[in-house]
């Protein structure tokens, strides 16, 4: 909420309910990129020298009124971090 960038929006997760798709969460950051590509084994080597980060953002935590500049509606500490430990090697 302080204007700092969290990273690129890499993936939008949806669920289907009664024939309609609903956005449930957004994945942001370098780990989100690897998850989108299902490239954890390859990506671990690439990220060793880079800052490792990523977040799961619930749909209600993100303000998309300006789609070119999405903004958090909460503090970063309220987001669920993506971690390499969540994924198999």
C-alpha atoms as a PDB file:
ATOM      1  CA  UNK A   1       0.000   0.000   0.000  1.00  0.00           C
ATOM      2  CA  UNK A   2       3.031   2.251   0.047  1.00  0.00           C
ATOM      3  CA  UNK A   3       3.423   2.438  -3.729  1.00  0.00           C
ATOM      4  CA  UNK A   4       6.195  -0.156  -4.015  1.00  0.00           C
ATOM      5  CA  UNK A   5       6.008  -2.810  -6.703  1.00  0.00           C
ATOM      6  CA  UNK A   6       5.439  -6.425  -5.644  1.00  0.00           C
ATOM      7  CA  UNK A   7       6.347  -7.811  -9.042  1.00  0.00           C
ATOM      8  CA  UNK A   8       4.577  -8.768 -12.202  1.00  0.00           C
ATOM      9  CA  UNK A   9       1.110 -10.242 -12.165  1.00  0.00           C
ATOM     10  CA  UNK A  10       1.916 -13.673 -13.604  1.00  0.00           C
ATOM     11  CA  UNK A  11      -1.223 -15.724 -13.170  1.00  0.00           C
ATOM     12  CA  UNK A  12      -4.907 -15.335 -12.456  1.00  0.00           C
ATOM     13  CA  UNK A  13      -6.578 -18.291 -10.756  1.00  0.00           C
ATOM     14  CA  UNK A  14     -10.254 -18.992 -11.316  1.00  0.00           C
ATOM     15  CA  UNK A  15     -12.919 -21.420 -10.183  1.00  0.00           C
ATOM     16  CA  UNK A  16     -16.049 -22.427 -12.002  1.00  0.00           C
ATOM     17  CA  UNK A  17     -19.373 -22.293 -10.220  1.00  0.00           C
ATOM     18  CA  UNK A  18     -22.678 -22.978 -11.948  1.00  0.00           C
ATOM     19  CA  UNK A  19     -21.178 -22.421 -15.367  1.00  0.00           C
ATOM     20  CA  UNK A  20     -19.459 -19.127 -14.498  1.00  0.00           C
ATOM     21  CA  UNK A  21     -15.789 -18.486 -13.886  1.00  0.00           C
ATOM     22  CA  UNK A  22     -14.811 -16.439 -10.829  1.00  0.00           C
ATOM     23  CA  UNK A  23     -11.382 -15.016 -10.048  1.00  0.00           C
ATOM     24  CA  UNK A  24     -10.141 -16.437  -6.755  1.00  0.00           C
ATOM     25  CA  UNK A  25      -6.562 -15.180  -6.577  1.00  0.00           C
ATOM     26  CA  UNK A  26      -3.662 -13.580  -8.394  1.00  0.00           C
ATOM     27  CA  UNK A  27      -0.067 -14.818  -8.327  1.00  0.00           C
ATOM     28  CA  UNK A  28       2.649 -12.172  -8.364  1.00  0.00           C
ATOM     29  CA  UNK A  29       6.448 -12.316  -8.501  1.00  0.00           C
ATOM     30  CA  UNK A  30       9.241 -14.579  -9.720  1.00  0.00           C
ATOM     31  CA  UNK A  31       7.925 -17.735  -8.042  1.00  0.00           C
ATOM     32  CA  UNK A  32       4.529 -17.081  -9.615  1.00  0.00           C
ATOM     33  CA  UNK A  33       6.220 -16.957 -13.024  1.00  0.00           C
ATOM     34  CA  UNK A  34       7.806 -20.350 -12.429  1.00  0.00           C
ATOM     35  CA  UNK A  35       4.545 -21.813 -11.211  1.00  0.00           C
ATOM     36  CA  UNK A  36       2.788 -20.595 -14.327  1.00  0.00           C
ATOM     37  CA  UNK A  37       5.373 -22.352 -16.466  1.00  0.00           C
ATOM     38  CA  UNK A  38       5.533 -25.423 -14.200  1.00  0.00           C
ATOM     39  CA  UNK A  39       9.290 -24.889 -14.301  1.00  0.00           C
ATOM     40  CA  UNK A  40      10.352 -25.233 -10.665  1.00  0.00           C
ATOM     41  CA  UNK A  41      13.307 -27.524 -11.341  1.00  0.00           C
ATOM     42  CA  UNK A  42      14.706 -25.327 -14.076  1.00  0.00           C
ATOM     43  CA  UNK A  43      13.860 -22.068 -12.345  1.00  0.00           C
ATOM     44  CA  UNK A  44      15.556 -22.843  -9.039  1.00  0.00           C
ATOM     45  CA  UNK A  45      18.952 -22.447 -10.698  1.00  0.00           C
ATOM     46  CA  UNK A  46      17.909 -19.168 -12.299  1.00  0.00           C
ATOM     47  CA  UNK A  47      16.634 -17.710  -9.020  1.00  0.00           C
ATOM     48  CA  UNK A  48      19.662 -18.544  -6.878  1.00  0.00           C
ATOM     49  CA  UNK A  49      21.188 -15.141  -7.575  1.00  0.00           C
ATOM     50  CA  UNK A  50      17.964 -13.191  -7.778  1.00  0.00           C
ATOM     51  CA  UNK A  51      15.595 -12.053  -5.085  1.00  0.00           C
ATOM     52  CA  UNK A  52      13.176 -14.881  -4.437  1.00  0.00           C
ATOM     53  CA  UNK A  53       9.674 -13.686  -3.988  1.00  0.00           C
ATOM     54  CA  UNK A  54       6.093 -14.123  -4.865  1.00  0.00           C
ATOM     55  CA  UNK A  55       2.671 -13.691  -3.359  1.00  0.00           C
ATOM     56  CA  UNK A  56      -0.823 -15.089  -3.534  1.00  0.00           C
ATOM     57  CA  UNK A  57      -3.301 -12.213  -3.569  1.00  0.00           C
ATOM     58  CA  UNK A  58      -6.958 -13.001  -2.966  1.00  0.00           C
ATOM     59  CA  UNK A  59      -9.311 -11.295  -5.410  1.00  0.00           C
ATOM     60  CA  UNK A  60     -10.689  -8.964  -2.748  1.00  0.00           C
ATOM     61  CA  UNK A  61      -7.174  -7.767  -1.814  1.00  0.00           C
ATOM     62  CA  UNK A  62      -6.498  -6.184  -5.219  1.00  0.00           C
ATOM     63  CA  UNK A  63      -7.959  -2.968  -6.636  1.00  0.00           C
ATOM     64  CA  UNK A  64      -8.252  -3.269 -10.415  1.00  0.00           C
ATOM     65  CA  UNK A  65     -10.073   0.003 -11.033  1.00  0.00           C
ATOM     66  CA  UNK A  66      -7.020   1.030 -13.111  1.00  0.00           C
ATOM     67  CA  UNK A  67      -6.042  -2.257 -14.846  1.00  0.00           C
ATOM     68  CA  UNK A  68      -2.676  -0.831 -15.901  1.00  0.00           C
ATOM     69  CA  UNK A  69      -1.767  -0.105 -12.283  1.00  0.00           C
ATOM     70  CA  UNK A  70      -3.372  -2.624  -9.914  1.00  0.00           C
ATOM     71  CA  UNK A  71      -3.076  -1.664  -6.247  1.00  0.00           C
ATOM     72  CA  UNK A  72      -3.230  -3.617  -3.037  1.00  0.00           C
ATOM     73  CA  UNK A  73      -6.135  -2.971  -0.713  1.00  0.00           C
ATOM     74  CA  UNK A  74      -4.195  -4.460   2.215  1.00  0.00           C
ATOM     75  CA  UNK A  75      -0.720  -4.489   3.741  1.00  0.00           C
ATOM     76  CA  UNK A  76       1.932  -6.751   2.156  1.00  0.00           C
ATOM     77  CA  UNK A  77       2.184  -8.643   5.454  1.00  0.00           C
ATOM     78  CA  UNK A  78      -1.392  -9.853   4.958  1.00  0.00           C
ATOM     79  CA  UNK A  79      -0.498 -11.636   1.698  1.00  0.00           C
ATOM     80  CA  UNK A  80       0.386 -15.320   1.520  1.00  0.00           C
ATOM     81  CA  UNK A  81       3.979 -15.644   0.284  1.00  0.00           C
ATOM     82  CA  UNK A  82       4.862 -18.218  -2.365  1.00  0.00           C
ATOM     83  CA  UNK A  83       7.780 -20.367  -1.263  1.00  0.00           C
ATOM     84  CA  UNK A  84       9.859 -22.946  -3.037  1.00  0.00           C
ATOM     85  CA  UNK A  85       9.151 -25.364  -0.171  1.00  0.00           C
ATOM     86  CA  UNK A  86       5.513 -25.505  -1.283  1.00  0.00           C
ATOM     87  CA  UNK A  87       6.517 -27.281  -4.477  1.00  0.00           C
ATOM     88  CA  UNK A  88       8.267 -30.587  -5.124  1.00  0.00           C
ATOM     89  CA  UNK A  89      11.852 -30.573  -6.363  1.00  0.00           C
END
